[in-house]
Amino acid sequence: MAYELESSLLVPASPMTVYRLVSDVTRTGEWSEQTYLVQWDGDDRGEGATFTGHNRTPDREWSTISTVVTALPGEEFAWSVGDAGVTWGYRMRPSPEGTMLTEFTRFGPRAEVVFSQRFGEDAARQIEIRRQAAVGGMPVTLSRISELLASQRCPAGRPRITP
């Protein structure tokens, strides 16, 4: 039942510009299918910082506390969600046309145990619901991020130069 998924899209911005956007977790509601609000839990940013995400689907609403596990500007931003330790994140690789942005998730053995304890006989179905949401949601998320990055471009179609 453990799984690893990823989806990639070429986006029109430099890796640092992409990183600045996706690591600003307070903007997640602009591109996420499920998360509508995220707040940092303190002043810390980077590895070890925590944030609370508020999520909803047509069937339910919930909040999670996540911990940043990777914060490599221009390369990768990732976090671990709650006690299950499900990892989500973004990897950036430079391309002549911008950045190859990859969203990824890992649902590992620890998450299987937590879901088994939390949902009992319904655990496999609950895991599959989340896997399917990730499969369908990642391409939508990446597309929305790309649109946001494209909207930040100058009218002449040239990227803004940002440090």
Protein backbone atom coordinates (compact mmCIF):
# COMPACT_ATOMS: atom_id res chain seq x y z
CA MET A 1 0.00 0.00 0.00
CA ALA A 2 2.97 2.34 0.30
CA TYR A 3 3.45 4.45 -2.80
CA GLU A 4 5.59 7.13 -4.39
CA LEU A 5 4.16 9.41 -7.06
CA GLU A 6 5.43 12.33 -9.05
CA SER A 7 4.35 14.60 -11.85
CA SER A 8 6.44 17.13 -13.80
CA LEU A 9 5.81 20.18 -15.93
CA LEU A 10 8.08 22.69 -17.64
CA VAL A 11 7.26 26.09 -16.11
CA PRO A 12 8.23 29.57 -17.39
CA ALA A 13 10.53 30.83 -14.63
CA SER A 14 13.96 30.31 -13.14
CA PRO A 15 14.44 27.66 -10.43
CA MET A 16 14.90 30.40 -7.80
CA THR A 17 11.68 32.14 -8.83
CA VAL A 18 9.82 28.82 -8.69
CA TYR A 19 11.33 28.04 -5.30
CA ARG A 20 10.29 31.41 -3.87
CA LEU A 21 6.71 30.72 -4.97
CA VAL A 22 6.31 27.10 -3.81
CA SER A 23 8.17 27.64 -0.52
CA ASP A 24 5.77 30.45 0.39
CA VAL A 25 3.32 27.97 1.85
CA THR A 26 0.84 30.76 2.62
CA ARG A 27 0.12 30.87 -1.15
CA THR A 28 -0.72 27.15 -1.44
CA GLY A 29 -4.45 27.89 -1.69
CA GLU A 30 -3.77 29.58 -5.04
CA TRP A 31 -2.88 26.26 -6.69
CA SER A 32 -3.95 23.34 -4.50
CA GLU A 33 -6.99 21.18 -5.22
CA GLN A 34 -7.60 20.53 -1.50
CA THR A 35 -5.67 23.05 0.58
CA TYR A 36 -7.38 26.42 0.84
CA LEU A 37 -5.36 28.10 3.64
CA VAL A 38 -1.89 27.64 5.12
CA GLN A 39 -0.32 29.50 8.01
CA TRP A 40 3.20 29.31 9.39
CA ASP A 41 3.14 28.22 13.04
CA GLY A 42 5.92 30.61 14.04
CA ASP A 43 8.62 32.86 12.67
CA ASP A 44 10.93 30.04 11.55
CA ARG A 45 11.29 29.19 7.87
CA GLY A 46 13.33 26.45 6.28
CA GLU A 47 14.06 22.98 7.62
CA GLY A 48 12.31 22.29 10.91
CA ALA A 49 9.72 25.06 10.50
CA THR A 50 6.10 24.01 10.92
CA PHE A 51 2.90 25.16 9.29
CA THR A 52 -0.78 24.32 9.51
CA GLY A 53 -2.75 23.55 6.37
CA HIS A 54 -6.54 23.71 6.16
CA ASN A 55 -8.02 21.36 3.59
CA ARG A 56 -11.36 20.35 2.18
CA THR A 57 -12.97 18.05 -0.33
CA PRO A 58 -16.67 17.60 -1.04
CA ASP A 59 -16.67 14.80 1.58
CA ARG A 60 -14.73 16.30 4.47
CA GLU A 61 -12.70 19.16 5.95
CA TRP A 62 -9.54 18.81 8.07
CA SER A 63 -6.32 20.49 9.16
CA THR A 64 -2.78 19.15 9.30
CA ILE A 65 0.49 20.23 10.84
CA SER A 66 3.50 19.82 8.57
CA THR A 67 7.24 20.14 9.12
CA VAL A 68 9.63 21.37 6.44
CA VAL A 69 12.16 18.58 5.81
CA THR A 70 14.03 19.99 2.80
CA ALA A 71 14.64 23.64 1.96
CA LEU A 72 17.25 23.91 -0.79
CA PRO A 73 16.64 27.21 -2.63
CA GLY A 74 16.27 26.67 -6.36
CA GLU A 75 16.42 22.88 -5.96
CA GLU A 76 13.85 21.35 -3.60
CA PHE A 77 11.22 22.22 -1.01
CA ALA A 78 9.53 19.37 0.89
CA TRP A 79 7.54 18.75 4.05
CA SER A 80 6.28 15.86 6.18
CA VAL A 81 2.61 15.81 7.15
CA GLY A 82 1.52 14.97 10.68
CA ASP A 83 2.26 11.79 12.58
CA ALA A 84 1.90 9.66 9.43
CA GLY A 85 4.97 11.30 7.91
CA VAL A 86 3.58 11.47 4.39
CA THR A 87 6.07 13.56 2.42
CA TRP A 88 5.12 16.12 -0.22
CA GLY A 89 7.39 18.44 -2.12
CA TYR A 90 8.71 20.08 -5.25
CA ARG A 91 11.98 19.62 -7.11
CA MET A 92 13.28 22.22 -9.56
CA ARG A 93 15.70 21.49 -12.40
CA PRO A 94 16.92 24.25 -14.73
CA SER A 95 15.95 24.08 -18.40
CA PRO A 96 16.70 26.45 -21.28
CA GLU A 97 12.97 27.20 -21.38
CA GLY A 98 12.56 27.74 -17.62
CA THR A 99 12.36 25.07 -14.94
CA MET A 100 11.28 21.46 -14.94
CA LEU A 101 9.10 21.44 -11.82
CA THR A 102 8.31 18.07 -10.25
CA GLU A 103 5.75 17.61 -7.52
CA PHE A 104 6.18 14.40 -5.53
CA THR A 105 4.68 12.50 -2.63
CA ARG A 106 5.75 9.46 -0.62
CA PHE A 107 3.31 7.44 1.46
CA GLY A 108 5.57 5.05 3.33
CA PRO A 109 5.38 2.22 5.86
CA ARG A 110 4.95 4.59 8.81
CA ALA A 111 1.88 6.10 7.12
CA GLU A 112 0.50 2.59 6.55
CA VAL A 113 0.74 1.86 10.28
CA VAL A 114 -0.87 5.18 11.24
CA PHE A 115 -3.70 4.69 8.75
CA SER A 116 -4.25 1.12 9.95
CA GLN A 117 -4.54 2.35 13.54
CA ARG A 118 -6.74 5.29 12.57
CA PHE A 119 -9.08 3.59 10.08
CA GLY A 120 -8.90 -0.12 10.91
CA GLU A 121 -10.45 -2.27 8.18
CA ASP A 122 -11.12 0.85 6.09
CA ALA A 123 -7.42 1.79 5.92
CA ALA A 124 -6.77 0.39 2.43
CA ARG A 125 -9.72 2.32 1.00
CA GLN A 126 -8.65 5.53 2.77
CA ILE A 127 -5.12 5.17 1.40
CA GLU A 128 -6.46 4.60 -2.11
CA ILE A 129 -8.65 7.71 -1.87
CA ARG A 130 -5.56 9.76 -1.05
CA ARG A 131 -3.48 8.10 -3.77
CA GLN A 132 -6.13 8.83 -6.40
CA ALA A 133 -6.42 12.44 -5.20
CA ALA A 134 -2.66 12.83 -5.61
CA VAL A 135 -2.64 11.24 -9.08
CA GLY A 136 -5.38 13.57 -10.27
CA GLY A 137 -4.34 16.63 -8.30
CA MET A 138 -0.63 16.91 -9.04
CA PRO A 139 -0.99 17.79 -12.76
CA VAL A 140 -3.67 20.37 -11.88
CA THR A 141 -1.44 21.87 -9.18
CA LEU A 142 1.52 22.11 -11.54
CA SER A 143 -0.61 23.72 -14.23
CA ARG A 144 -1.88 26.34 -11.78
CA ILE A 145 1.66 27.08 -10.58
CA SER A 146 2.76 27.48 -14.21
CA GLU A 147 -0.11 29.91 -14.85
CA LEU A 148 0.86 31.96 -11.79
CA LEU A 149 4.47 32.09 -12.93
CA ALA A 150 3.45 33.06 -16.46
CA SER A 151 1.29 35.88 -15.10
CA GLN A 152 4.38 37.30 -13.37
CA ARG A 153 6.11 37.78 -16.73
CA CYS A 154 6.57 41.20 -18.29
CA PRO A 155 4.08 42.26 -21.01
CA ALA A 156 6.70 41.70 -23.72
CA GLY A 157 6.81 38.06 -22.68
CA ARG A 158 10.28 38.30 -21.16
CA PRO A 159 10.73 37.00 -17.63
CA ARG A 160 11.29 39.58 -14.92
CA ILE A 161 14.81 39.49 -13.62
CA THR A 162 14.70 38.80 -9.90
CA PRO A 163 17.67 38.17 -7.67
